[in-house]
């Protein structure tokens, strides 16, 4: 599972909006325990130039992210993206349309507080714990009203546009998180507010902020009221704000689907990826003499009994007899191989052998049954029968199973003479993705991740497709189901498969 979620450790709403009497601003109000968060701008409610704003503060424990990187649970910088995800909270008030939100790193520490009131702003801190519009904590003022955020370098903030006002927020904040992890920027979380051109216009005579009112001559003379998100205290488990780490960990090992080069195929399609997994005492480990360096791969024909490599190295596509492979992660090495049919004309139904070595030391020998690219007059849409062969009925939240997806062509139909000794070929689906939903109400727990990160993609090897899944990402006490989608090259689209695979998650014992 190339996805890890980190839930918020603190969040609150701060505002300078008027209380119901339209005379007193709620600048001292704190909403740290409310189950929703609120962003808005109101122009001209009290006077023709009055400006009322609401902003959100939210923080995440990046020590946990750093620890996971050290433990290699998430990849190194440059190989993973971090997304801030917040979920729309429906309400009866008007929502803003066609606007942008600004997400920026906060530059000073603040307190969450214990206020609840988002209507009358009656939960005033009065020197007690909690941030408000003017104060970051019970002892410290903000460096500027409404929270102090960082504008340089430009990687400390990002904008996100909205159309209907009902959308969830999903924005890539990788540069911010990486600075937190590296310690080059203190982690005080992020502030979420309307971009300056959407916050209310106000021109102070002195050209600076006036008390609690933001000097903003580029602001809007219309209102954007009100965008709400679920807070970390929400009863809805899958609606709480989070940072989601995503990366592509798909390994497409073509050992079980190795094709000989053909003039009918492109250079890319003629390449086969082979993998070598160095497993020592049940865990992956780098080769001591290779480390993260390169490794050489050569192919051989088999012995007379087809039990081991024999003879000279086979000539590969381009005339080489040895190819340079490389390290991709701890204990995992890979190499791209292309070989002509002429080089193995006598061995089409017998194994070839791939030998991985460095210098005079051989580390691994594998076997391959090569195939020819098939050809026909028409290409019928592929249909499959699939099954998760090792799915259990119940898992604990600490479980991280590797699940194996069996797939075969739906129209496989052996005749009476071959059924006793033949079995359907296990297919490796080149591009497959999964999603998880809660059976009770259909709430999506993990959606299809078929974008650039491909974080819900399935790997494949000689045994078929597989993926890892962390059950801790699911709320215990419910039944869930896996669904799968395969990419169809004919239609250039993802096709969801019919089968559903159900399981239950219970809280693991401490």
Foldseek 3Di string as FASTA:
>chain_A
DQKDWFFWPWKWKAKQPAFPVLPHGLQQFIAGQAQKAKWKWAAQPNHNGDIITMKMFIFTPLVVVLVCPVVVVHDDPPFKWKKWWWAFDDDDDDAFFWFKKKKFAAADAAFRDDHRDPHRSPHGCCLHAGHYQFARGSPGGAPAGRGHGDPPPVLRMDMDTGGRRRGIDIDTSRVNSVCCSVVVGPGRGIMMYTPLQAGGADDDPVRAADVNRGHRNNYDSHIRDITMTGDQNHPDLLRHIIMMMFFAPAAAACQQPQAADDPVDDPVVQKGKHKDACADPRHGAADPVARQHKKKKFKAAADPVLPHGDDDTFQFPPGDGIFIWGHDDGRMIMTIGHHHCVSQVVDQQGWMKMWIGDDPDTDDIDIGRYDYDDDDDDDDFFDKDKDFPPDDQEDELADKDKTFMWIFTPPDDDDPVCPVPDDTQTDAQPWKFKWKAFPVPRHTLGDQDPPPRRRRTWYAHSVYTIDIDRSNSDDADTKMKMWMWGQDPVVRDTHTHDDIGMHHYHHDDD
